Amino acid sequence: MAAEQIAFIGGGNMGRALIAGLIAHGTSPASLAVADPNETVRSALAADFGVRAGTDNAALASAADILVLAVKPQGMAAVLAPLAPLLAQRRPLLISIAAGVRTASLAEWSGTDLPIVRAMPNRPALVGAGITGLYATPATPPAARARAAAVMGAVGELVWVGSEYHLDVVTAVSGSGPAYFFLLAEELAHSAVRRGLDPHTARRLAVATLNGAGRLAADGDGDLARLRAEVTSRGGTTEAALKAFAAARFDEIVAAAVDAAVLRGRELSETQP
């Protein structure tokens, strides 16, 4: 049986990361194709990975078993609606990685009852260390869910959510989350500089600590409270720092940040056509 054809509309950072991840996990470049209006992007994908790259979305969709929609949210309707007749004939699995575009809109623009999965990867997917939140419509069968998981799992871990609205929480935690950790590392470096360390040394300490803490958490059992306790000696420096965080209501700051991100995600989704 011929290999399943996976086509990407959009070959930007996340499309490129998925193509690289799929090939690294054994997918043949002959099974992959991408359409993108940017000639530089197309040339790079063809040269780096040996995939077919062009500009004709219709030709791409007409041969796709899985169609990954990696375009900007505001451009989704203009990309998807003209493909409706082809999609009704081919009936591919649609995977959308466009933030804020609801499955109801995707179904409306595609013009037929296709299996649809929304995926919210995060930026560490660019280095194969991402985590993706997935939501499937009730009409999407288990086999299609498994196919979507195989595609998105090429760039990291996966979690499924039972409600589409929970993708806004996924976005607030893991989608925006890298920026939160970068901000903390940035402020740690700034604090070290204010206390006499040179900026290069301060940055190296902060970056290595960020990386090492993440590896400890990922390689262990995921018990974050236990990991924190293991670093915290009674009466020591870490305890003093954590007490300062608590006094500043760090928990409330984090909760407010996540709430703000969730709210903004829902506002953005409501502005999509």
Protein backbone atom coordinates (compact mmCIF):
# COMPACT_ATOMS: atom_id res chain seq x y z
CA MET A 1 0.00 0.00 0.00
CA ALA A 2 1.28 3.47 -0.86
CA ALA A 3 2.51 5.62 2.01
CA GLU A 4 0.06 8.15 3.38
CA GLN A 5 0.57 11.57 1.84
CA ILE A 6 1.02 14.41 4.33
CA ALA A 7 0.70 17.91 2.90
CA PHE A 8 1.43 21.23 4.57
CA ILE A 9 -0.13 24.53 3.61
CA GLY A 10 2.41 26.86 5.11
CA GLY A 11 6.11 26.12 5.44
CA GLY A 12 7.08 28.59 8.17
CA ASN A 13 8.81 27.76 11.44
CA MET A 14 6.28 25.24 12.72
CA GLY A 15 5.68 23.63 9.34
CA ARG A 16 9.42 23.26 8.92
CA ALA A 17 9.79 21.80 12.42
CA LEU A 18 7.09 19.20 11.74
CA ILE A 19 8.64 18.22 8.41
CA ALA A 20 12.05 17.84 10.04
CA GLY A 21 10.57 15.84 12.92
CA LEU A 22 8.62 13.51 10.66
CA ILE A 23 11.65 12.76 8.52
CA ALA A 24 13.78 12.20 11.63
CA HIS A 25 11.17 9.68 12.79
CA GLY A 26 11.32 7.76 9.52
CA THR A 27 8.76 9.38 7.22
CA SER A 28 9.96 9.39 3.62
CA PRO A 29 10.38 12.82 2.04
CA ALA A 30 8.44 11.42 -0.92
CA SER A 31 5.36 11.29 1.35
CA LEU A 32 5.61 14.98 2.24
CA ALA A 33 4.68 18.10 0.28
CA VAL A 34 4.33 21.76 1.15
CA ALA A 35 2.77 24.82 -0.43
CA ASP A 36 4.02 28.27 0.51
CA PRO A 37 3.96 31.61 -1.33
CA ASN A 38 7.52 32.46 -0.25
CA GLU A 39 10.09 31.24 -2.75
CA THR A 40 12.91 31.35 -0.21
CA VAL A 41 10.92 29.13 2.16
CA ARG A 42 10.09 26.66 -0.60
CA SER A 43 13.67 26.45 -1.83
CA ALA A 44 15.02 25.88 1.67
CA LEU A 45 12.53 23.08 2.42
CA ALA A 46 13.22 21.35 -0.88
CA ALA A 47 16.98 21.65 -0.47
CA ASP A 48 17.15 20.72 3.21
CA PHE A 49 14.62 17.87 3.30
CA GLY A 50 13.99 16.77 -0.28
CA VAL A 51 10.24 17.41 -0.05
CA ARG A 52 8.06 18.64 -2.89
CA ALA A 53 7.42 22.37 -2.55
CA GLY A 54 5.15 24.57 -4.63
CA THR A 55 2.55 27.30 -4.58
CA ASP A 56 -0.61 25.49 -5.70
CA ASN A 57 -2.78 24.75 -2.66
CA ALA A 58 -5.37 22.94 -4.79
CA ALA A 59 -2.85 20.56 -6.32
CA LEU A 60 -1.51 19.87 -2.84
CA ALA A 61 -4.95 19.20 -1.33
CA SER A 62 -6.02 16.96 -4.20
CA ALA A 63 -3.36 14.40 -3.29
CA ALA A 64 -3.33 14.73 0.51
CA ASP A 65 -4.42 12.09 3.00
CA ILE A 66 -3.50 14.42 5.86
CA LEU A 67 -3.63 18.18 5.33
CA VAL A 68 -1.78 20.27 7.91
CA LEU A 69 -2.96 23.88 7.97
CA ALA A 70 0.01 25.94 9.12
CA VAL A 71 -1.11 29.38 8.02
CA LYS A 72 -1.83 32.53 10.00
CA PRO A 73 -5.28 32.54 11.62
CA GLN A 74 -6.46 35.60 9.72
CA GLY A 75 -5.67 33.91 6.41
CA MET A 76 -7.34 30.57 7.12
CA ALA A 77 -10.72 31.27 5.51
CA ALA A 78 -9.14 32.55 2.30
CA VAL A 79 -6.95 29.44 2.09
CA LEU A 80 -9.50 26.80 3.04
CA ALA A 81 -12.78 27.89 1.40
CA PRO A 82 -11.56 27.61 -2.24
CA LEU A 83 -10.47 24.03 -1.51
CA ALA A 84 -13.91 22.86 -0.36
CA PRO A 85 -14.82 20.88 -3.54
CA LEU A 86 -11.48 19.07 -3.50
CA LEU A 87 -11.72 18.35 0.22
CA ALA A 88 -15.19 16.86 -0.22
CA GLN A 89 -13.80 14.51 -2.85
CA ARG A 90 -10.49 13.59 -1.17
CA ARG A 91 -11.72 13.72 2.46
CA PRO A 92 -8.35 14.17 4.16
CA LEU A 93 -7.77 14.49 7.85
CA LEU A 94 -7.43 18.21 8.63
CA ILE A 95 -4.91 19.25 11.29
CA SER A 96 -4.94 22.95 12.10
CA ILE A 97 -2.15 24.58 14.09
CA ALA A 98 -3.64 28.07 13.68
CA ALA A 99 -4.21 29.62 17.10
CA GLY A 100 -7.75 30.69 17.89
CA VAL A 101 -9.48 29.25 14.81
CA ARG A 102 -12.32 27.07 16.10
CA THR A 103 -13.22 23.73 14.58
CA ALA A 104 -16.68 25.05 13.73
CA SER A 105 -15.09 27.63 11.45
CA LEU A 106 -12.79 25.05 9.89
CA ALA A 107 -15.77 22.80 9.19
CA GLU A 108 -17.75 25.66 7.68
CA TRP A 109 -14.94 26.75 5.37
CA SER A 110 -14.09 23.21 4.28
CA GLY A 111 -17.73 22.68 3.35
CA THR A 112 -18.00 19.07 4.46
CA ASP A 113 -17.87 16.87 7.56
CA LEU A 114 -14.17 16.05 7.53
CA PRO A 115 -12.27 14.66 10.51
CA ILE A 116 -10.69 17.71 12.15
CA VAL A 117 -8.03 18.00 14.84
CA ARG A 118 -6.80 21.27 16.30
CA ALA A 119 -3.23 21.24 17.54
CA MET A 120 -1.50 23.80 19.74
CA PRO A 121 2.27 23.14 19.65
CA ASN A 122 4.73 25.40 21.42
CA ARG A 123 8.00 26.95 20.33
CA PRO A 124 10.31 24.26 21.77
CA ALA A 125 8.92 22.09 18.96
CA LEU A 126 11.51 23.88 16.81
CA VAL A 127 14.19 21.85 18.61
CA GLY A 128 12.13 18.67 18.97
CA ALA A 129 11.30 19.36 22.61
CA GLY A 130 7.78 20.69 22.30
CA ILE A 131 4.48 19.70 23.78
CA THR A 132 1.26 19.92 21.80
CA GLY A 133 -2.30 20.17 23.05
CA LEU A 134 -4.78 18.36 20.79
CA TYR A 135 -8.54 18.52 20.42
CA ALA A 136 -10.62 16.41 18.03
CA THR A 137 -14.20 17.03 17.01
CA PRO A 138 -16.71 14.38 18.12
CA ALA A 139 -17.02 13.24 14.49
CA THR A 140 -13.29 12.49 14.31
CA PRO A 141 -12.80 8.73 14.78
CA PRO A 142 -10.08 7.18 16.95
CA ALA A 143 -8.03 6.16 13.91
CA ALA A 144 -7.89 9.77 12.71
CA ARG A 145 -6.90 10.92 16.19
CA ALA A 146 -4.05 8.42 16.14
CA ARG A 147 -2.89 9.71 12.75
CA ALA A 148 -2.90 13.29 14.05
CA ALA A 149 -0.94 12.19 17.12
CA ALA A 150 1.66 10.53 14.90
CA VAL A 151 2.18 13.78 12.99
CA MET A 152 2.31 16.14 15.97
CA GLY A 153 4.28 13.67 18.10
CA ALA A 154 7.21 14.15 15.72
CA VAL A 155 8.13 17.35 17.57
CA GLY A 156 7.56 16.36 21.20
CA GLU A 157 5.01 15.25 23.74
CA LEU A 158 1.22 15.28 23.38
CA VAL A 159 -1.79 15.92 25.58
CA TRP A 160 -5.44 15.57 24.54
CA VAL A 161 -8.15 17.82 25.93
CA GLY A 162 -11.85 17.02 25.98
CA SER A 163 -13.10 20.55 25.39
CA GLU A 164 -12.02 22.92 22.64
CA TYR A 165 -12.04 25.77 25.12
CA HIS A 166 -9.34 24.00 27.11
CA LEU A 167 -6.98 24.69 24.22
CA ASP A 168 -6.99 28.31 25.43
CA VAL A 169 -5.61 27.04 28.74
CA VAL A 170 -3.04 24.91 26.91
CA THR A 171 -1.97 28.00 24.98
CA ALA A 172 -1.69 30.04 28.17
CA VAL A 173 0.41 27.41 29.96
CA SER A 174 2.62 25.75 27.34
CA GLY A 175 2.19 28.00 24.31
CA SER A 176 3.04 31.20 26.14
CA GLY A 177 4.87 29.41 28.94
CA PRO A 178 8.39 29.49 27.46
CA ALA A 179 8.27 33.28 27.63
CA TYR A 180 7.48 33.09 31.35
CA PHE A 181 10.52 30.93 32.03
CA PHE A 182 12.70 33.13 29.80
CA LEU A 183 11.51 36.18 31.77
CA LEU A 184 12.42 34.56 35.08
CA ALA A 185 15.86 33.58 33.74
CA GLU A 186 16.32 37.09 32.36
CA GLU A 187 15.50 38.65 35.73
CA LEU A 188 17.82 36.23 37.53
CA ALA A 189 20.64 37.34 35.24
CA HIS A 190 19.81 41.01 35.78
CA SER A 191 19.82 40.49 39.55
CA ALA A 192 23.24 38.84 39.36
CA VAL A 193 24.63 41.75 37.34
CA ARG A 194 23.27 44.24 39.86
CA ARG A 195 25.22 42.34 42.50
CA GLY A 196 28.52 42.46 40.66
CA LEU A 197 28.68 39.56 38.20
CA ASP A 198 29.61 40.37 34.63
CA PRO A 199 26.68 40.07 32.19
CA HIS A 200 28.14 37.14 30.24
CA THR A 201 28.65 35.03 33.35
CA ALA A 202 25.23 35.99 34.70
CA ARG A 203 23.53 35.00 31.46
CA ARG A 204 25.39 31.67 31.31
CA LEU A 205 24.35 30.86 34.86
CA ALA A 206 20.70 31.71 34.17
CA VAL A 207 20.50 29.82 30.87
CA ALA A 208 22.26 26.71 32.18
CA THR A 209 20.03 26.70 35.27
CA LEU A 210 16.91 27.03 33.11
CA ASN A 211 18.05 24.14 30.93
CA GLY A 212 19.15 21.95 33.80
CA ALA A 213 15.98 22.48 35.82
CA GLY A 214 13.89 21.57 32.79
CA ARG A 215 15.90 18.40 32.23
CA LEU A 216 15.55 17.38 35.87
CA ALA A 217 11.80 17.85 35.68
CA ALA A 218 11.47 16.04 32.34
CA ASP A 219 13.70 13.10 33.29
CA GLY A 220 12.04 12.53 36.64
CA ASP A 221 8.51 11.58 37.62
CA GLY A 222 7.10 15.08 37.11
CA ASP A 223 6.54 15.74 40.83
CA LEU A 224 7.41 19.43 40.77
CA ALA A 225 6.71 19.98 44.47
CA ARG A 226 9.12 17.19 45.41
CA LEU A 227 11.80 18.52 43.08
CA ARG A 228 11.45 21.97 44.63
CA ALA A 229 11.67 20.50 48.14
CA GLU A 230 14.82 18.58 47.25
CA VAL A 231 16.55 21.83 46.32
CA THR A 232 15.34 23.60 49.46
CA SER A 233 17.36 23.08 52.63
CA ARG A 234 15.75 24.17 55.88
CA GLY A 235 17.13 27.55 56.90
CA GLY A 236 19.18 27.84 53.70
CA THR A 237 19.44 30.29 50.83
CA THR A 238 16.77 28.67 48.65
CA GLU A 239 14.26 28.76 51.48
CA ALA A 240 14.99 32.44 52.01
CA ALA A 241 14.41 33.16 48.33
CA LEU A 242 11.17 31.14 48.22
CA LYS A 243 9.87 33.00 51.28
CA ALA A 244 10.50 36.24 49.38
CA PHE A 245 8.50 34.88 46.44
CA ALA A 246 5.66 33.91 48.78
CA ALA A 247 5.65 37.32 50.44
CA ALA A 248 5.27 38.93 47.02
CA ARG A 249 2.28 36.61 46.32
CA PHE A 250 4.06 34.80 43.51
CA ASP A 251 1.20 32.31 43.21
CA GLU A 252 -1.28 35.11 42.59
CA ILE A 253 1.03 36.73 40.02
CA VAL A 254 1.28 33.48 38.06
CA ALA A 255 -2.47 32.85 38.28
CA ALA A 256 -3.20 36.36 37.04
CA ALA A 257 -0.79 35.92 34.13
CA VAL A 258 -2.37 32.63 33.05
CA ASP A 259 -5.87 34.07 33.40
CA ALA A 260 -4.88 37.05 31.24
CA ALA A 261 -3.49 34.76 28.55
CA VAL A 262 -6.60 32.54 28.58
CA LEU A 263 -8.87 35.59 28.31
CA ARG A 264 -6.86 37.04 25.45
CA GLY A 265 -6.89 33.72 23.62
CA ARG A 266 -10.68 33.59 23.81
CA GLU A 267 -10.96 37.21 22.70
CA LEU A 268 -8.78 36.49 19.68
CA SER A 269 -10.80 33.42 18.73
CA GLU A 270 -14.00 35.47 18.82
CA THR A 271 -12.54 38.00 16.38
CA GLN A 272 -11.79 35.32 13.77
CA PRO A 273 -14.20 35.35 10.84
